[in-house]
Amino acid sequence: MPLYLSRFSYTPETWGRLMGRPEDRAKAAQSYIESVGGKLHGFWYAFGTHDGYNLWEAPDNVSMASVALAISGGGALSSFETTVLLTVDETIEALRNAEQIRYRAPGA
């Protein structure tokens, strides 16, 4: 199954609610991805541009997009970005396939 890396940030209101009632949001994230047949591999909080990161496994892009849309639509986050991760083997296959594509630069 494909892997996905998500970066998220909470709204100030969400941080306020969590300070008043701390909870393990990894459990919630796990339930969301499991509902589409996927798996949560990791959930971390961080300093910096984003408040946290998730590593997910999902059956396909539509399944992961469904989870991302549900989370984003919930209103607790100020940002949520997801990147599809490729394995080394997938990247090598893409490199081999790219060699067969005849790219033409703009204006060339």
C-alpha atoms as a PDB file:
ATOM      1  CA  MET A   1       0.000   0.000   0.000  1.00  0.00           C
ATOM      2  CA  PRO A   2       1.200   3.555  -0.696  1.00  0.00           C
ATOM      3  CA  LEU A   3       2.668   5.668   2.095  1.00  0.00           C
ATOM      4  CA  TYR A   4       1.718   9.289   2.781  1.00  0.00           C
ATOM      5  CA  LEU A   5       3.366  11.989   4.875  1.00  0.00           C
ATOM      6  CA  SER A   6       1.033  14.645   6.287  1.00  0.00           C
ATOM      7  CA  ARG A   7       1.999  17.941   7.881  1.00  0.00           C
ATOM      8  CA  PHE A   8      -0.581  19.757   9.960  1.00  0.00           C
ATOM      9  CA  SER A   9      -1.059  22.788  12.179  1.00  0.00           C
ATOM     10  CA  TYR A  10      -3.798  23.339  14.734  1.00  0.00           C
ATOM     11  CA  THR A  11      -5.797  26.532  15.063  1.00  0.00           C
ATOM     12  CA  PRO A  12      -5.196  28.558  18.252  1.00  0.00           C
ATOM     13  CA  GLU A  13      -8.665  27.485  19.412  1.00  0.00           C
ATOM     14  CA  THR A  14      -7.732  23.817  19.044  1.00  0.00           C
ATOM     15  CA  TRP A  15      -4.561  24.313  21.105  1.00  0.00           C
ATOM     16  CA  GLY A  16      -6.701  26.011  23.758  1.00  0.00           C
ATOM     17  CA  ARG A  17      -9.118  23.058  23.855  1.00  0.00           C
ATOM     18  CA  LEU A  18      -6.215  20.603  24.086  1.00  0.00           C
ATOM     19  CA  MET A  19      -4.639  22.552  26.952  1.00  0.00           C
ATOM     20  CA  GLY A  20      -7.964  22.408  28.811  1.00  0.00           C
ATOM     21  CA  ARG A  21      -8.481  18.713  28.035  1.00  0.00           C
ATOM     22  CA  PRO A  22      -5.269  17.016  26.861  1.00  0.00           C
ATOM     23  CA  GLU A  23      -5.828  13.937  24.721  1.00  0.00           C
ATOM     24  CA  ASP A  24      -3.871  11.576  22.507  1.00  0.00           C
ATOM     25  CA  ARG A  25      -4.885  12.669  18.995  1.00  0.00           C
ATOM     26  CA  ALA A  26      -2.900   9.790  17.490  1.00  0.00           C
ATOM     27  CA  LYS A  27      -5.762   7.507  18.522  1.00  0.00           C
ATOM     28  CA  ALA A  28      -8.212   9.638  16.554  1.00  0.00           C
ATOM     29  CA  ALA A  29      -5.884   9.704  13.530  1.00  0.00           C
ATOM     30  CA  GLN A  30      -5.551   5.927  13.734  1.00  0.00           C
ATOM     31  CA  SER A  31      -9.323   5.464  13.682  1.00  0.00           C
ATOM     32  CA  TYR A  32      -9.679   7.725  10.610  1.00  0.00           C
ATOM     33  CA  ILE A  33      -7.150   5.832   8.481  1.00  0.00           C
ATOM     34  CA  GLU A  34      -8.323   2.409   9.668  1.00  0.00           C
ATOM     35  CA  SER A  35     -11.850   3.310   8.545  1.00  0.00           C
ATOM     36  CA  VAL A  36     -10.604   3.211   4.927  1.00  0.00           C
ATOM     37  CA  GLY A  37      -8.465   0.092   5.352  1.00  0.00           C
ATOM     38  CA  GLY A  38      -5.197   1.885   6.075  1.00  0.00           C
ATOM     39  CA  LYS A  39      -2.701   2.090   8.917  1.00  0.00           C
ATOM     40  CA  LEU A  40      -1.138   4.891  10.940  1.00  0.00           C
ATOM     41  CA  HIS A  41       2.632   4.342  11.154  1.00  0.00           C
ATOM     42  CA  GLY A  42       3.493   7.390  13.208  1.00  0.00           C
ATOM     43  CA  PHE A  43       2.190  10.597  14.771  1.00  0.00           C
ATOM     44  CA  TRP A  44       4.579  13.296  15.983  1.00  0.00           C
ATOM     45  CA  TYR A  45       4.340  16.847  17.257  1.00  0.00           C
ATOM     46  CA  ALA A  46       7.073  19.303  16.274  1.00  0.00           C
ATOM     47  CA  PHE A  47       8.447  22.796  16.620  1.00  0.00           C
ATOM     48  CA  GLY A  48       8.609  24.899  13.483  1.00  0.00           C
ATOM     49  CA  THR A  49       6.434  25.541  10.457  1.00  0.00           C
ATOM     50  CA  HIS A  50       4.041  22.681  11.234  1.00  0.00           C
ATOM     51  CA  ASP A  51       2.654  21.517  14.564  1.00  0.00           C
ATOM     52  CA  GLY A  52       2.802  17.843  13.686  1.00  0.00           C
ATOM     53  CA  TYR A  53       3.439  15.066  11.202  1.00  0.00           C
ATOM     54  CA  ASN A  54       1.729  11.762  10.392  1.00  0.00           C
ATOM     55  CA  LEU A  55       2.971   8.776   8.426  1.00  0.00           C
ATOM     56  CA  TRP A  56       0.049   6.868   6.946  1.00  0.00           C
ATOM     57  CA  GLU A  57      -0.482   3.832   4.758  1.00  0.00           C
ATOM     58  CA  ALA A  58      -3.653   3.762   2.668  1.00  0.00           C
ATOM     59  CA  PRO A  59      -5.008   1.447  -0.025  1.00  0.00           C
ATOM     60  CA  ASP A  60      -4.971   4.217  -2.664  1.00  0.00           C
ATOM     61  CA  ASN A  61      -4.984   7.974  -3.267  1.00  0.00           C
ATOM     62  CA  VAL A  62      -8.779   8.232  -3.091  1.00  0.00           C
ATOM     63  CA  SER A  63      -8.832   6.579   0.341  1.00  0.00           C
ATOM     64  CA  MET A  64      -6.136   8.920   1.650  1.00  0.00           C
ATOM     65  CA  ALA A  65      -7.840  11.932   0.084  1.00  0.00           C
ATOM     66  CA  SER A  66     -11.064  10.951   1.854  1.00  0.00           C
ATOM     67  CA  VAL A  67      -9.293  10.941   5.217  1.00  0.00           C
ATOM     68  CA  ALA A  68      -7.544  14.235   4.451  1.00  0.00           C
ATOM     69  CA  LEU A  69     -10.810  15.892   3.426  1.00  0.00           C
ATOM     70  CA  ALA A  70     -12.625  14.660   6.521  1.00  0.00           C
ATOM     71  CA  ILE A  71      -9.854  15.956   8.785  1.00  0.00           C
ATOM     72  CA  SER A  72      -9.526  19.262   6.931  1.00  0.00           C
ATOM     73  CA  GLY A  73     -13.276  19.801   6.983  1.00  0.00           C
ATOM     74  CA  GLY A  74     -13.422  19.323  10.744  1.00  0.00           C
ATOM     75  CA  GLY A  75     -12.241  22.863  11.451  1.00  0.00           C
ATOM     76  CA  ALA A  76      -9.560  22.026  14.044  1.00  0.00           C
ATOM     77  CA  LEU A  77      -6.630  22.585  11.695  1.00  0.00           C
ATOM     78  CA  SER A  78      -5.257  25.742  10.139  1.00  0.00           C
ATOM     79  CA  SER A  79      -3.307  23.695   7.572  1.00  0.00           C
ATOM     80  CA  PHE A  80      -3.092  20.095   6.374  1.00  0.00           C
ATOM     81  CA  GLU A  81      -0.763  18.976   3.568  1.00  0.00           C
ATOM     82  CA  THR A  82      -0.188  15.427   2.352  1.00  0.00           C
ATOM     83  CA  THR A  83       2.645  14.100   0.198  1.00  0.00           C
ATOM     84  CA  VAL A  84       2.588  10.732  -1.559  1.00  0.00           C
ATOM     85  CA  LEU A  85       5.825   8.898  -0.769  1.00  0.00           C
ATOM     86  CA  LEU A  86       7.534   6.697  -3.352  1.00  0.00           C
ATOM     87  CA  THR A  87       9.716   3.721  -2.538  1.00  0.00           C
ATOM     88  CA  VAL A  88      13.213   3.539  -4.002  1.00  0.00           C
ATOM     89  CA  ASP A  89      12.001   0.828  -6.411  1.00  0.00           C
ATOM     90  CA  GLU A  90       9.080   3.007  -7.554  1.00  0.00           C
ATOM     91  CA  THR A  91      11.440   5.911  -8.124  1.00  0.00           C
ATOM     92  CA  ILE A  92      13.826   3.757 -10.150  1.00  0.00           C
ATOM     93  CA  GLU A  93      10.908   2.524 -12.265  1.00  0.00           C
ATOM     94  CA  ALA A  94       9.782   6.123 -12.800  1.00  0.00           C
ATOM     95  CA  LEU A  95      13.316   7.108 -13.816  1.00  0.00           C
ATOM     96  CA  ARG A  96      13.429   4.289 -16.359  1.00  0.00           C
ATOM     97  CA  ASN A  97      10.012   5.238 -17.711  1.00  0.00           C
ATOM     98  CA  ALA A  98      10.943   8.922 -17.872  1.00  0.00           C
ATOM     99  CA  GLU A  99      13.816   8.091 -20.209  1.00  0.00           C
ATOM    100  CA  GLN A 100      11.239   6.954 -22.807  1.00  0.00           C
ATOM    101  CA  ILE A 101       9.290  10.227 -22.705  1.00  0.00           C
ATOM    102  CA  ARG A 102      10.282  12.785 -25.326  1.00  0.00           C
ATOM    103  CA  TYR A 103      10.053  16.057 -23.399  1.00  0.00           C
ATOM    104  CA  ARG A 104      10.031  19.343 -25.309  1.00  0.00           C
ATOM    105  CA  ALA A 105      10.943  22.513 -23.403  1.00  0.00           C
ATOM    106  CA  PRO A 106       8.553  25.462 -23.705  1.00  0.00           C
ATOM    107  CA  GLY A 107       9.305  27.471 -26.843  1.00  0.00           C
ATOM    108  CA  ALA A 108      11.703  24.837 -28.187  1.00  0.00           C
END
